[in-house]
């Protein structure tokens, strides 16, 4: 009994400790500006379609997920439950992939939502012009 008590006391006294420290005492300010000048060729009209199906307002059916951050919205505005942005991302990916374009010039979106009792279906169509980057001239200014 003494051995078990002694073992329990030793186990209670010893333990694991995790410490985390941050050695930065002030902010680091870095300012880098770059000027890019791209030569873009505008081609024929392109389009793409993306779909999302949402069950009970929070569960999306398993499929590939493409985001449209920086194209139609900010990452801060988008969230895990912003299913319209997911459909936009799929439509953009479809248009770029099927036309072998680098970007979509003047994209226009048509969003259709069909709401049912337990689920809703979101369809997003994007139309625009095929943009192909020929060259990019780059110069940077570091201050």
Protein backbone atom coordinates (compact mmCIF):
# COMPACT_ATOMS: atom_id res chain seq x y z
CA UNK A 1 0.00 0.00 0.00
CA UNK A 2 2.90 2.34 0.77
CA UNK A 3 4.42 1.66 -2.64
CA UNK A 4 1.16 2.51 -4.44
CA UNK A 5 0.74 5.69 -2.39
CA UNK A 6 4.32 6.72 -3.08
CA UNK A 7 3.86 6.03 -6.81
CA UNK A 8 0.66 8.11 -6.92
CA UNK A 9 2.37 11.02 -5.16
CA UNK A 10 5.30 10.91 -7.60
CA UNK A 11 2.90 10.84 -10.57
CA UNK A 12 0.94 13.78 -9.20
CA UNK A 13 4.06 15.86 -8.58
CA UNK A 14 5.58 15.24 -12.01
CA UNK A 15 3.80 16.21 -15.17
CA UNK A 16 4.13 17.81 -18.57
CA UNK A 17 4.24 21.52 -19.11
CA UNK A 18 3.93 23.29 -22.43
CA UNK A 19 5.20 26.84 -22.65
CA UNK A 20 4.92 29.17 -25.57
CA UNK A 21 6.69 32.46 -25.80
CA UNK A 22 6.81 35.19 -28.38
CA UNK A 23 10.13 36.94 -28.66
CA UNK A 24 8.91 39.85 -30.77
CA UNK A 25 8.68 42.94 -28.64
CA UNK A 26 7.57 45.32 -31.38
CA UNK A 27 5.99 45.33 -34.81
CA UNK A 28 8.06 44.76 -37.91
CA UNK A 29 7.17 47.24 -40.61
CA UNK A 30 8.04 46.17 -44.14
CA UNK A 31 6.88 48.14 -47.14
CA UNK A 32 7.39 46.64 -50.59
CA UNK A 33 5.77 48.06 -53.68
CA UNK A 34 5.89 46.45 -57.06
CA UNK A 35 4.72 47.82 -60.36
CA UNK A 36 3.52 45.20 -62.80
CA UNK A 37 2.63 45.98 -66.36
CA UNK A 38 0.96 43.09 -68.17
CA UNK A 39 0.32 42.74 -71.88
CA UNK A 40 -3.04 40.95 -72.09
CA UNK A 41 -4.68 39.71 -75.27
CA UNK A 42 -8.48 39.71 -75.16
CA UNK A 43 -10.02 36.87 -77.13
CA UNK A 44 -13.42 35.33 -77.68
CA UNK A 45 -16.32 35.17 -75.25
CA UNK A 46 -16.10 32.41 -72.62
CA UNK A 47 -18.50 31.06 -70.01
CA UNK A 48 -18.62 28.57 -67.16
CA UNK A 49 -21.12 27.10 -64.74
CA UNK A 50 -20.84 26.06 -61.09
CA UNK A 51 -23.30 24.32 -58.80
CA UNK A 52 -23.69 23.93 -55.03
CA UNK A 53 -26.30 21.90 -53.18
CA UNK A 54 -26.85 22.65 -49.50
CA UNK A 55 -28.83 20.46 -47.10
CA UNK A 56 -30.45 22.02 -43.99
CA UNK A 57 -28.61 25.27 -44.67
CA UNK A 58 -25.23 24.05 -43.39
CA UNK A 59 -24.23 20.78 -45.08
CA UNK A 60 -22.95 20.90 -48.64
CA UNK A 61 -22.93 17.81 -50.78
CA UNK A 62 -19.43 16.42 -51.26
CA UNK A 63 -17.78 17.83 -54.35
CA UNK A 64 -14.72 19.82 -55.29
CA UNK A 65 -14.44 23.20 -53.63
CA UNK A 66 -13.02 26.17 -55.51
CA UNK A 67 -12.79 29.59 -53.97
CA UNK A 68 -13.21 32.90 -55.73
CA UNK A 69 -11.16 34.96 -53.26
CA UNK A 70 -9.63 38.02 -54.86
CA UNK A 71 -11.86 37.74 -57.89
CA UNK A 72 -15.33 38.52 -56.60
CA UNK A 73 -14.87 38.94 -52.87
CA UNK A 74 -12.46 39.31 -50.00
CA UNK A 75 -11.40 36.34 -47.92
CA UNK A 76 -12.72 38.16 -44.84
CA UNK A 77 -16.22 38.39 -46.29
CA UNK A 78 -16.25 34.74 -47.31
CA UNK A 79 -16.78 32.07 -44.76
CA UNK A 80 -17.26 28.36 -44.46
CA UNK A 81 -20.98 28.76 -45.08
CA UNK A 82 -20.86 31.16 -48.04
CA UNK A 83 -22.10 28.70 -50.64
CA UNK A 84 -22.66 31.32 -53.35
CA UNK A 85 -18.91 32.09 -53.36
CA UNK A 86 -18.20 28.35 -53.70
CA UNK A 87 -20.49 28.18 -56.74
CA UNK A 88 -18.78 31.28 -58.19
CA UNK A 89 -15.39 29.66 -57.71
CA UNK A 90 -16.55 26.53 -59.55
CA UNK A 91 -17.94 28.62 -62.41
CA UNK A 92 -14.70 30.62 -62.72
CA UNK A 93 -12.62 27.44 -62.66
CA UNK A 94 -14.85 25.86 -65.30
CA UNK A 95 -14.60 28.89 -67.60
CA UNK A 96 -10.82 29.24 -67.25
CA UNK A 97 -10.12 25.52 -67.57
CA UNK A 98 -12.36 24.90 -70.59
CA UNK A 99 -10.99 27.89 -72.55
CA UNK A 100 -7.34 27.69 -71.46
CA UNK A 101 -7.53 31.35 -70.38
CA UNK A 102 -5.36 33.10 -67.81
CA UNK A 103 -8.13 35.42 -66.63
CA UNK A 104 -11.68 36.51 -67.36
CA UNK A 105 -12.02 40.05 -68.65
CA UNK A 106 -15.18 41.81 -67.44
CA UNK A 107 -16.83 38.81 -65.71
CA UNK A 108 -20.58 38.91 -65.21
CA UNK A 109 -22.35 36.49 -62.88
CA UNK A 110 -25.89 35.12 -63.02
CA UNK A 111 -26.83 33.41 -59.76
CA UNK A 112 -29.95 31.27 -59.44
CA UNK A 113 -31.04 29.86 -56.07
CA UNK A 114 -33.82 27.29 -55.81
CA UNK A 115 -35.01 26.75 -52.26
CA UNK A 116 -36.85 23.61 -51.25
CA UNK A 117 -38.03 22.37 -47.86
CA UNK A 118 -34.81 20.69 -46.70
CA UNK A 119 -32.24 21.81 -49.24
CA UNK A 120 -31.37 24.50 -51.73
CA UNK A 121 -29.58 24.42 -55.04
CA UNK A 122 -27.31 27.24 -56.21
CA UNK A 123 -26.33 27.67 -59.84
CA UNK A 124 -23.80 30.28 -60.91
CA UNK A 125 -23.02 31.17 -64.51
CA UNK A 126 -20.11 33.42 -65.43
CA UNK A 127 -19.70 35.13 -68.80
CA UNK A 128 -16.80 37.24 -69.96
CA UNK A 129 -13.95 37.50 -72.43
CA UNK A 130 -10.90 35.24 -72.60
CA UNK A 131 -7.79 37.00 -71.33
CA UNK A 132 -4.32 35.64 -72.12
CA UNK A 133 -1.20 37.18 -70.59
CA UNK A 134 1.55 37.62 -73.18
CA UNK A 135 4.25 39.30 -71.09
CA UNK A 136 4.66 40.86 -67.66
CA UNK A 137 7.15 43.65 -67.02
CA UNK A 138 8.15 43.92 -63.39
CA UNK A 139 10.00 46.52 -61.37
CA UNK A 140 10.03 46.83 -57.59
CA UNK A 141 10.61 49.70 -55.23
CA UNK A 142 11.80 48.84 -51.73
CA UNK A 143 11.49 51.56 -49.13
